[in-house]
Amino acid sequence: MAIFDTLGADIASFLAVHPSAEIVALFAVAMVAGLARGFSGFGGGLIFIPMASAIAGPQAASPLLLVIDWVMTLGMVPDSWRRANRREVATLLIGALAGVPVGTALLAFAEPLVLRWIISAVVLALLAFLISGWRYQGRPKPQLGIATGAIAGLFGGVAQLSGPPVVAYWLGGAIERSVVRANLVLYFALASLISATSYVSAGLLTIDTLMLAAVVGPGYGIGIAAGSRLFGLADEAAFRRICFGLIAAAGVISLPALDGILR
């Protein structure tokens, strides 16, 4: 009976903290973010994090995306484990071990308003980086891999935005595309475990986060499924431009300066 009493109290607390309008808005944002993630393989976090931070706060948005993205992509890990260059993945993870705790500390202790400004600025900067098309053209090097992992870990810890640095490091080098894809999937899965450990230690990953993920996560899954079905049917270049536009809109709309106008 004590277990049911505790669960009932958790549900009552959850409903008090997260009104239905907030949940519906997060569900919709998750669907759009999942659509981008499923079609192009990128952009999910860049769309979800700034918007969800404006809706529910940065300390809720980052752990929420961590949980739903990890759960939705977990099935890809076994095949990626076999195909990936695990030594190169481990090199980046060494850097992530240093970067993630720093990003987590920023997320846990910085003022929410300051965090929202930082997140919006990072999103727009990463968008410009993606549009530029720059890629590292050389072969992977241990020192550069560790540095890339540290930067990605910092972005991942504070806002679950570790993708662009890692993609730029691996995608332009002399590595087979199938290995690059496997490396990315395996790195993000293992880096998520580092982030989860760091978030739990900082008190950011809570029962409330898991409950919110259970409600919002299906929207992300629907978006990923729809995006995956569109892949090959729609023009990839056009869809990428749409993704870039959505990321730009998310970064601008979530700016705290517009709170008085839009919210």
Protein backbone atom coordinates (compact mmCIF):
# COMPACT_ATOMS: atom_id res chain seq x y z
CA MET A 1 0.00 0.00 0.00
CA ALA A 2 2.87 2.37 0.77
CA ILE A 3 4.12 1.97 -2.80
CA PHE A 4 0.72 2.95 -4.23
CA ASP A 5 0.47 5.88 -1.80
CA THR A 6 3.89 7.12 -2.93
CA LEU A 7 2.97 6.67 -6.60
CA GLY A 8 -0.28 8.55 -6.09
CA ALA A 9 1.58 11.38 -4.42
CA ASP A 10 4.08 11.49 -7.30
CA ILE A 11 1.28 11.66 -9.88
CA ALA A 12 -0.53 14.40 -7.96
CA SER A 13 2.72 16.38 -7.69
CA PHE A 14 3.41 15.84 -11.39
CA LEU A 15 -0.02 17.17 -12.43
CA ALA A 16 0.40 20.18 -10.18
CA VAL A 17 3.78 21.07 -11.67
CA HIS A 18 2.93 20.32 -15.32
CA PRO A 19 -0.48 21.65 -16.45
CA SER A 20 -2.13 20.09 -19.47
CA ALA A 21 -1.28 23.05 -21.74
CA GLU A 22 2.42 22.58 -20.99
CA ILE A 23 2.27 18.85 -21.70
CA VAL A 24 0.43 19.39 -25.00
CA ALA A 25 2.99 22.01 -26.06
CA LEU A 26 5.92 19.73 -25.17
CA PHE A 27 4.29 16.83 -27.05
CA ALA A 28 3.91 18.99 -30.17
CA VAL A 29 7.50 20.25 -29.99
CA ALA A 30 8.72 16.66 -29.51
CA MET A 31 6.84 15.56 -32.65
CA VAL A 32 8.44 18.28 -34.77
CA ALA A 33 11.88 17.54 -33.32
CA GLY A 34 11.42 13.81 -33.92
CA LEU A 35 10.36 14.45 -37.52
CA ALA A 36 13.64 16.26 -38.19
CA ARG A 37 15.64 13.56 -36.36
CA GLY A 38 13.95 10.72 -38.23
CA PHE A 39 14.33 12.22 -41.70
CA SER A 40 17.76 13.81 -41.67
CA GLY A 41 19.43 12.31 -38.58
CA PHE A 42 20.06 15.72 -37.05
CA GLY A 43 18.24 18.74 -35.67
CA GLY A 44 16.10 17.06 -33.02
CA GLY A 45 17.89 18.58 -30.05
CA LEU A 46 18.42 21.91 -31.78
CA ILE A 47 14.64 22.24 -32.21
CA PHE A 48 13.49 20.62 -28.96
CA ILE A 49 15.85 22.11 -26.37
CA PRO A 50 15.29 25.87 -26.93
CA MET A 51 11.52 25.48 -27.25
CA ALA A 52 11.17 23.05 -24.33
CA SER A 53 13.41 25.31 -22.21
CA ALA A 54 11.05 28.20 -22.87
CA ILE A 55 8.04 26.03 -21.97
CA ALA A 56 9.26 24.04 -18.96
CA GLY A 57 12.70 25.47 -18.11
CA PRO A 58 16.22 24.31 -19.08
CA GLN A 59 16.62 22.05 -16.03
CA ALA A 60 13.59 20.05 -17.22
CA ALA A 61 14.22 20.18 -21.00
CA SER A 62 17.72 18.68 -21.13
CA PRO A 63 17.08 15.61 -18.92
CA LEU A 64 13.78 15.09 -20.74
CA LEU A 65 15.44 14.94 -24.17
CA LEU A 66 18.18 12.72 -22.77
CA VAL A 67 15.63 10.12 -21.68
CA ILE A 68 13.33 10.13 -24.72
CA ASP A 69 16.12 10.19 -27.33
CA TRP A 70 18.04 7.40 -25.59
CA VAL A 71 14.96 5.19 -25.31
CA MET A 72 13.89 5.77 -28.92
CA THR A 73 17.35 4.97 -30.37
CA LEU A 74 18.34 2.12 -28.04
CA GLY A 75 17.44 -0.54 -30.61
CA MET A 76 20.16 0.77 -32.95
CA VAL A 77 22.99 0.10 -30.49
CA PRO A 78 23.68 -3.66 -30.96
CA ASP A 79 24.30 -3.38 -34.71
CA SER A 80 26.35 -0.22 -34.22
CA TRP A 81 28.49 -1.95 -31.59
CA ARG A 82 29.50 -4.52 -34.21
CA ARG A 83 30.16 -2.02 -37.00
CA ALA A 84 31.75 0.89 -35.12
CA ASN A 85 35.43 1.63 -34.63
CA ARG A 86 35.19 1.28 -30.87
CA ARG A 87 38.68 2.68 -30.24
CA GLU A 88 37.76 5.97 -31.94
CA VAL A 89 34.47 6.09 -30.02
CA ALA A 90 36.34 5.49 -26.76
CA THR A 91 38.70 8.39 -27.57
CA LEU A 92 35.80 10.83 -27.81
CA LEU A 93 34.22 9.39 -24.68
CA ILE A 94 37.41 10.20 -22.73
CA GLY A 95 36.86 13.84 -23.64
CA ALA A 96 33.16 13.58 -22.80
CA LEU A 97 34.04 12.37 -19.29
CA ALA A 98 35.64 15.78 -18.74
CA GLY A 99 33.13 17.92 -20.64
CA VAL A 100 29.81 16.49 -19.44
CA PRO A 101 30.27 17.29 -15.70
CA VAL A 102 31.16 20.90 -16.53
CA GLY A 103 28.06 21.26 -18.70
CA THR A 104 25.93 19.58 -16.03
CA ALA A 105 27.23 21.99 -13.38
CA LEU A 106 26.20 24.92 -15.60
CA LEU A 107 22.76 23.39 -16.09
CA ALA A 108 22.29 22.70 -12.39
CA PHE A 109 23.55 25.95 -10.88
CA ALA A 110 23.16 28.73 -13.47
CA GLU A 111 20.07 30.93 -13.39
CA PRO A 112 17.35 29.58 -15.73
CA LEU A 113 17.11 32.90 -17.58
CA VAL A 114 20.87 32.97 -18.16
CA LEU A 115 20.73 29.36 -19.33
CA ARG A 116 18.01 30.16 -21.84
CA TRP A 117 20.13 32.95 -23.32
CA ILE A 118 23.11 30.58 -23.50
CA ILE A 119 21.05 27.82 -25.11
CA SER A 120 19.54 30.13 -27.72
CA ALA A 121 22.99 31.52 -28.56
CA VAL A 122 24.50 28.03 -28.81
CA VAL A 123 21.64 26.79 -31.01
CA LEU A 124 21.99 29.68 -33.45
CA ALA A 125 25.79 29.31 -33.50
CA LEU A 126 25.55 25.57 -34.15
CA LEU A 127 22.99 26.24 -36.88
CA ALA A 128 25.43 28.59 -38.62
CA PHE A 129 28.09 25.90 -38.23
CA LEU A 130 25.85 23.26 -39.84
CA ILE A 131 24.86 25.56 -42.72
CA SER A 132 28.54 26.31 -43.42
CA GLY A 133 29.05 22.65 -44.24
CA TRP A 134 32.53 22.61 -42.68
CA ARG A 135 33.93 19.15 -41.92
CA TYR A 136 37.28 17.98 -40.59
CA GLN A 137 39.01 16.39 -43.58
CA GLY A 138 41.89 14.54 -41.92
CA ARG A 139 42.11 11.16 -40.29
CA PRO A 140 41.06 10.87 -36.64
CA LYS A 141 43.80 11.70 -34.12
CA PRO A 142 43.67 10.84 -30.41
CA GLN A 143 44.35 14.38 -29.16
CA LEU A 144 41.82 15.93 -31.53
CA GLY A 145 39.29 13.22 -30.70
CA ILE A 146 39.59 13.89 -26.97
CA ALA A 147 39.24 17.64 -27.55
CA THR A 148 36.17 17.09 -29.75
CA GLY A 149 34.67 14.81 -27.12
CA ALA A 150 35.24 17.41 -24.42
CA ILE A 151 33.49 20.14 -26.44
CA ALA A 152 30.65 17.80 -27.37
CA GLY A 153 30.38 16.70 -23.73
CA LEU A 154 30.16 20.32 -22.56
CA PHE A 155 27.34 21.05 -25.03
CA GLY A 156 25.71 17.73 -24.19
CA GLY A 157 25.85 18.29 -20.45
CA VAL A 158 24.33 21.74 -20.54
CA ALA A 159 21.77 21.23 -23.32
CA GLN A 160 22.03 17.79 -24.98
CA LEU A 161 23.52 19.44 -28.08
CA SER A 162 26.62 17.29 -28.55
CA GLY A 163 25.84 16.29 -32.14
CA PRO A 164 27.34 18.99 -34.42
CA PRO A 165 30.96 18.83 -33.13
CA VAL A 166 31.02 15.03 -33.37
CA VAL A 167 29.38 14.97 -36.82
CA ALA A 168 31.85 17.57 -38.13
CA TYR A 169 34.78 15.55 -36.77
CA TRP A 170 33.82 12.19 -38.25
CA LEU A 171 31.72 12.93 -41.31
CA GLY A 172 34.39 14.67 -43.41
CA GLY A 173 37.27 12.32 -42.65
CA ALA A 174 38.59 9.27 -44.49
CA ILE A 175 36.13 6.86 -42.85
CA GLU A 176 33.46 4.73 -44.51
CA ARG A 177 29.98 6.22 -44.12
CA SER A 178 28.62 3.02 -42.56
CA VAL A 179 31.34 3.15 -39.90
CA VAL A 180 30.68 6.86 -39.30
CA ARG A 181 26.99 6.15 -38.72
CA ALA A 182 27.79 3.30 -36.34
CA ASN A 183 30.34 5.46 -34.51
CA LEU A 184 27.75 8.21 -34.06
CA VAL A 185 25.02 5.91 -32.77
CA LEU A 186 27.39 4.18 -30.34
CA TYR A 187 28.96 7.43 -29.14
CA PHE A 188 25.61 9.11 -28.45
CA ALA A 189 24.30 6.02 -26.63
CA LEU A 190 27.35 5.77 -24.34
CA ALA A 191 27.67 9.55 -23.89
CA SER A 192 24.03 9.54 -22.80
CA LEU A 193 24.94 7.13 -20.00
CA ILE A 194 27.65 9.57 -18.88
CA SER A 195 25.12 12.41 -18.98
CA ALA A 196 22.53 10.36 -17.11
CA THR A 197 25.02 9.56 -14.34
CA SER A 198 26.01 13.21 -14.12
CA TYR A 199 22.37 14.38 -14.10
CA VAL A 200 21.44 11.93 -11.34
CA SER A 201 24.38 13.13 -9.24
CA ALA A 202 23.25 16.74 -9.72
CA GLY A 203 19.61 15.94 -8.90
CA LEU A 204 18.42 16.79 -12.43
CA LEU A 205 17.19 13.35 -13.50
CA THR A 206 14.22 12.63 -11.27
CA ILE A 207 10.99 10.62 -11.10
CA ASP A 208 9.25 13.73 -12.45
CA THR A 209 11.53 13.64 -15.52
CA LEU A 210 10.73 9.97 -16.16
CA MET A 211 6.99 10.61 -15.84
CA LEU A 212 7.18 13.57 -18.21
CA ALA A 213 9.19 11.45 -20.65
CA ALA A 214 6.50 8.76 -20.55
CA VAL A 215 3.91 11.35 -21.62
CA VAL A 216 5.98 13.37 -24.11
CA GLY A 217 8.16 10.55 -25.49
CA PRO A 218 5.47 9.05 -27.75
CA GLY A 219 5.30 12.36 -29.63
CA TYR A 220 9.03 12.12 -30.32
CA GLY A 221 8.59 8.51 -31.43
CA ILE A 222 5.74 9.44 -33.79
CA GLY A 223 7.91 12.17 -35.29
CA ILE A 224 10.87 9.81 -35.80
CA ALA A 225 8.64 7.21 -37.46
CA ALA A 226 7.06 9.78 -39.77
CA GLY A 227 10.44 11.29 -40.64
CA SER A 228 11.89 7.87 -41.42
CA ARG A 229 8.99 7.10 -43.77
CA LEU A 230 9.45 10.45 -45.54
CA PHE A 231 13.13 9.69 -46.14
CA GLY A 232 13.44 8.66 -49.77
CA LEU A 233 10.02 10.06 -50.65
CA ALA A 234 10.73 13.76 -50.14
CA ASP A 235 13.58 15.82 -51.56
CA GLU A 236 16.41 15.64 -49.01
CA ALA A 237 17.88 19.05 -49.88
CA ALA A 238 14.51 20.73 -49.49
CA PHE A 239 13.82 18.98 -46.20
CA ARG A 240 17.22 19.98 -44.84
CA ARG A 241 16.40 23.59 -45.64
CA ILE A 242 13.10 23.15 -43.79
CA CYS A 243 15.02 21.69 -40.82
CA PHE A 244 17.39 24.63 -40.83
CA GLY A 245 14.40 26.98 -40.89
CA LEU A 246 12.78 25.17 -37.97
CA ILE A 247 16.00 25.31 -35.96
CA ALA A 248 16.35 29.04 -36.67
CA ALA A 249 12.71 29.62 -35.69
CA ALA A 250 13.17 27.62 -32.47
CA GLY A 251 16.30 29.57 -31.55
CA VAL A 252 14.67 32.95 -32.17
CA ILE A 253 11.21 32.21 -30.72
CA SER A 254 12.75 30.84 -27.50
CA LEU A 255 14.77 34.02 -26.87
CA PRO A 256 13.90 35.37 -23.41
CA ALA A 257 13.65 38.86 -24.91
CA LEU A 258 10.44 37.77 -26.67
CA ASP A 259 8.74 36.38 -23.56
CA GLY A 260 6.56 39.44 -23.13
CA ILE A 261 5.35 39.19 -26.73
CA LEU A 262 5.01 35.46 -27.36
CA ARG A 263 4.31 34.06 -23.87
